[in-house]
């Protein structure tokens, strides 16, 4: 019982970390786009 529970929590943590990574990638893309747009002006 405990083994399965710890396995579930570990998978939840890994999925949350993946979600955070996705957000960071989106933020980086937005920042680079803003910098490119500002460089045109």
PDB file of N, CA and C in Angstrom:
ATOM      1  N   UNK A   1       0.839  -1.205   0.000  1.00  0.00           N
ATOM      2  CA  UNK A   1       0.000   0.000   0.000  1.00  0.00           C
ATOM      3  C   UNK A   1       0.872   1.252   0.000  1.00  0.00           C
ATOM      4  N   UNK A   2       1.859   1.280   0.896  1.00  0.00           N
ATOM      5  CA  UNK A   2       2.715   2.475   0.960  1.00  0.00           C
ATOM      6  C   UNK A   2       3.511   2.635  -0.330  1.00  0.00           C
ATOM      7  N   UNK A   3       3.989   1.517  -0.876  1.00  0.00           N
ATOM      8  CA  UNK A   3       4.803   1.589  -2.090  1.00  0.00           C
ATOM      9  C   UNK A   3       4.033   2.240  -3.232  1.00  0.00           C
ATOM     10  N   UNK A   4       2.782   1.829  -3.405  1.00  0.00           N
ATOM     11  CA  UNK A   4       1.994   2.398  -4.501  1.00  0.00           C
ATOM     12  C   UNK A   4       1.728   3.880  -4.238  1.00  0.00           C
ATOM     13  N   UNK A   5       1.507   4.226  -2.970  1.00  0.00           N
ATOM     14  CA  UNK A   5       1.213   5.630  -2.653  1.00  0.00           C
ATOM     15  C   UNK A   5       2.415   6.515  -2.967  1.00  0.00           C
ATOM     16  N   UNK A   6       3.609   6.056  -2.551  1.00  0.00           N
ATOM     17  CA  UNK A   6       4.812   6.855  -2.813  1.00  0.00           C
ATOM     18  C   UNK A   6       5.040   6.972  -4.321  1.00  0.00           C
ATOM     19  N   UNK A   7       4.724   5.911  -5.056  1.00  0.00           N
ATOM     20  CA  UNK A   7       4.879   5.962  -6.509  1.00  0.00           C
ATOM     21  C   UNK A   7       3.949   7.004  -7.111  1.00  0.00           C
ATOM     22  N   UNK A   8       2.721   7.077  -6.596  1.00  0.00           N
ATOM     23  CA  UNK A   8       1.772   8.064  -7.112  1.00  0.00           C
ATOM     24  C   UNK A   8       2.276   9.479  -6.843  1.00  0.00           C
ATOM     25  N   UNK A   9       2.761   9.719  -5.625  1.00  0.00           N
ATOM     26  CA  UNK A   9       3.217  11.070  -5.294  1.00  0.00           C
ATOM     27  C   UNK A   9       4.412  11.451  -6.161  1.00  0.00           C
ATOM     28  N   UNK A  10       5.306  10.497  -6.419  1.00  0.00           N
ATOM     29  CA  UNK A  10       6.487  10.807  -7.232  1.00  0.00           C
ATOM     30  C   UNK A  10       6.064  11.175  -8.652  1.00  0.00           C
ATOM     31  N   UNK A  11       5.075  10.466  -9.199  1.00  0.00           N
ATOM     32  CA  UNK A  11       4.620  10.788 -10.555  1.00  0.00           C
ATOM     33  C   UNK A  11       3.949  12.156 -10.570  1.00  0.00           C
ATOM     34  N   UNK A  12       3.213  12.485  -9.512  1.00  0.00           N
ATOM     35  CA  UNK A  12       2.559  13.798  -9.443  1.00  0.00           C
ATOM     36  C   UNK A  12       3.623  14.892  -9.419  1.00  0.00           C
ATOM     37  N   UNK A  13       4.664  14.697  -8.627  1.00  0.00           N
ATOM     38  CA  UNK A  13       5.720  15.707  -8.534  1.00  0.00           C
ATOM     39  C   UNK A  13       6.391  15.893  -9.886  1.00  0.00           C
ATOM     40  N   UNK A  14       6.690  14.787 -10.567  1.00  0.00           N
ATOM     41  CA  UNK A  14       7.368  14.888 -11.861  1.00  0.00           C
ATOM     42  C   UNK A  14       6.478  15.617 -12.864  1.00  0.00           C
ATOM     43  N   UNK A  15       5.178  15.345 -12.847  1.00  0.00           N
ATOM     44  CA  UNK A  15       4.275  16.019 -13.785  1.00  0.00           C
ATOM     45  C   UNK A  15       4.211  17.507 -13.463  1.00  0.00           C
ATOM     46  N   UNK A  16       4.229  17.868 -12.177  1.00  0.00           N
ATOM     47  CA  UNK A  16       4.207  19.290 -11.811  1.00  0.00           C
ATOM     48  C   UNK A  16       5.479  19.969 -12.292  1.00  0.00           C
ATOM     49  N   UNK A  17       6.627  19.310 -12.125  1.00  0.00           N
ATOM     50  CA  UNK A  17       7.881  19.890 -12.603  1.00  0.00           C
ATOM     51  C   UNK A  17       7.827  20.085 -14.111  1.00  0.00           C
ATOM     52  N   UNK A  18       7.254  19.136 -14.831  1.00  0.00           N
ATOM     53  CA  UNK A  18       7.135  19.262 -16.287  1.00  0.00           C
ATOM     54  C   UNK A  18       6.274  20.472 -16.634  1.00  0.00           C
ATOM     55  N   UNK A  19       5.203  20.691 -15.874  1.00  0.00           N
ATOM     56  CA  UNK A  19       4.324  21.834 -16.123  1.00  0.00           C
ATOM     57  C   UNK A  19       5.090  23.135 -15.906  1.00  0.00           C
ATOM     58  N   UNK A  20       5.913  23.187 -14.846  1.00  0.00           N
ATOM     59  CA  UNK A  20       6.709  24.386 -14.573  1.00  0.00           C
ATOM     60  C   UNK A  20       7.678  24.626 -15.721  1.00  0.00           C
ATOM     61  N   UNK A  21       8.289  23.558 -16.237  1.00  0.00           N
ATOM     62  CA  UNK A  21       9.226  23.709 -17.357  1.00  0.00           C
ATOM     63  C   UNK A  21       8.498  24.273 -18.572  1.00  0.00           C
ATOM     64  N   UNK A  22       7.288  23.786 -18.839  1.00  0.00           N
ATOM     65  CA  UNK A  22       6.524  24.290 -19.987  1.00  0.00           C
ATOM     66  C   UNK A  22       6.270  25.784 -19.827  1.00  0.00           C
ATOM     67  N   UNK A  23       5.911  26.220 -18.617  1.00  0.00           N
ATOM     68  CA  UNK A  23       5.648  27.644 -18.377  1.00  0.00           C
ATOM     69  C   UNK A  23       6.923  28.444 -18.621  1.00  0.00           C
ATOM     70  N   UNK A  24       8.064  27.945 -18.156  1.00  0.00           N
ATOM     71  CA  UNK A  24       9.330  28.672 -18.353  1.00  0.00           C
ATOM     72  C   UNK A  24       9.640  28.813 -19.834  1.00  0.00           C
ATOM     73  N   UNK A  25       9.403  27.760 -20.595  1.00  0.00           N
ATOM     74  CA  UNK A  25       9.679  27.817 -22.043  1.00  0.00           C
ATOM     75  C   UNK A  25       8.794  28.872 -22.699  1.00  0.00           C
ATOM     76  N   UNK A  26       7.519  28.900 -22.331  1.00  0.00           N
ATOM     77  CA  UNK A  26       6.596  29.890 -22.908  1.00  0.00           C
ATOM     78  C   UNK A  26       7.052  31.299 -22.547  1.00  0.00           C
ATOM     79  N   UNK A  27       7.451  31.494 -21.289  1.00  0.00           N
ATOM     80  CA  UNK A  27       7.905  32.821 -20.859  1.00  0.00           C
ATOM     81  C   UNK A  27       9.146  33.229 -21.641  1.00  0.00           C
ATOM     82  N   UNK A  28      10.076  32.302 -21.822  1.00  0.00           N
ATOM     83  CA  UNK A  28      11.298  32.624 -22.578  1.00  0.00           C
ATOM     84  C   UNK A  28      10.951  33.018 -24.007  1.00  0.00           C
ATOM     85  N   UNK A  29      10.032  32.300 -24.628  1.00  0.00           N
ATOM     86  CA  UNK A  29       9.633  32.623 -26.009  1.00  0.00           C
ATOM     87  C   UNK A  29       9.003  34.015 -26.046  1.00  0.00           C
ATOM     88  N   UNK A  30       8.135  34.313 -25.080  1.00  0.00           N
ATOM     89  CA  UNK A  30       7.497  35.632 -25.057  1.00  0.00           C
ATOM     90  C   UNK A  30       8.540  36.726 -24.884  1.00  0.00           C
ATOM     91  N   UNK A  31       9.510  36.521 -23.989  1.00  0.00           N
ATOM     92  CA  UNK A  31      10.547  37.533 -23.751  1.00  0.00           C
ATOM     93  C   UNK A  31      11.350  37.765 -25.023  1.00  0.00           C
ATOM     94  N   UNK A  32      11.738  36.694 -25.702  1.00  0.00           N
ATOM     95  CA  UNK A  32      12.532  36.857 -26.926  1.00  0.00           C
ATOM     96  C   UNK A  32      11.716  37.579 -27.995  1.00  0.00           C
ATOM     97  N   UNK A  33      10.432  37.282 -28.084  1.00  0.00           N
ATOM     98  CA  UNK A  33       9.587  37.959 -29.080  1.00  0.00           C
ATOM     99  C   UNK A  33       9.481  39.439 -28.758  1.00  0.00           C
ATOM    100  N   UNK A  34       9.318  39.777 -27.492  1.00  0.00           N
ATOM    101  CA  UNK A  34       9.220  41.192 -27.105  1.00  0.00           C
ATOM    102  C   UNK A  34      10.527  41.903 -27.425  1.00  0.00           C
ATOM    103  N   UNK A  35      11.648  41.258 -27.136  1.00  0.00           N
ATOM    104  CA  UNK A  35      12.952  41.876 -27.428  1.00  0.00           C
ATOM    105  C   UNK A  35      13.100  42.111 -28.928  1.00  0.00           C
ATOM    106  N   UNK A  36      12.696  41.135 -29.738  1.00  0.00           N
ATOM    107  CA  UNK A  36      12.790  41.303 -31.191  1.00  0.00           C
ATOM    108  C   UNK A  36      11.877  42.437 -31.651  1.00  0.00           C
ATOM    109  N   UNK A  37      10.678  42.504 -31.114  1.00  0.00           N
ATOM    110  CA  UNK A  37       9.742  43.564 -31.500  1.00  0.00           C
ATOM    111  C   UNK A  37      10.296  44.935 -31.102  1.00  0.00           C
ATOM    112  N   UNK A  38      10.895  45.025 -29.922  1.00  0.00           N
ATOM    113  CA  UNK A  38      11.451  46.310 -29.470  1.00  0.00           C
ATOM    114  C   UNK A  38      12.649  46.707 -30.332  1.00  0.00           C
ATOM    115  N   UNK A  39      13.409  45.737 -30.788  1.00  0.00           N
ATOM    116  CA  UNK A  39      14.594  46.057 -31.592  1.00  0.00           C
ATOM    117  C   UNK A  39      14.185  46.650 -32.937  1.00  0.00           C
ATOM    118  N   UNK A  40      12.977  46.364 -33.409  1.00  0.00           N
ATOM    119  CA  UNK A  40      12.532  46.909 -34.697  1.00  0.00           C
ATOM    120  C   UNK A  40      12.228  48.399 -34.584  1.00  0.00           C
ATOM    121  N   UNK A  41      11.816  48.851 -33.402  1.00  0.00           N
ATOM    122  CA  UNK A  41      11.441  50.272 -33.250  1.00  0.00           C
ATOM    123  C   UNK A  41      12.640  51.169 -33.024  1.00  0.00           C
TER     124      UNK A  41
END
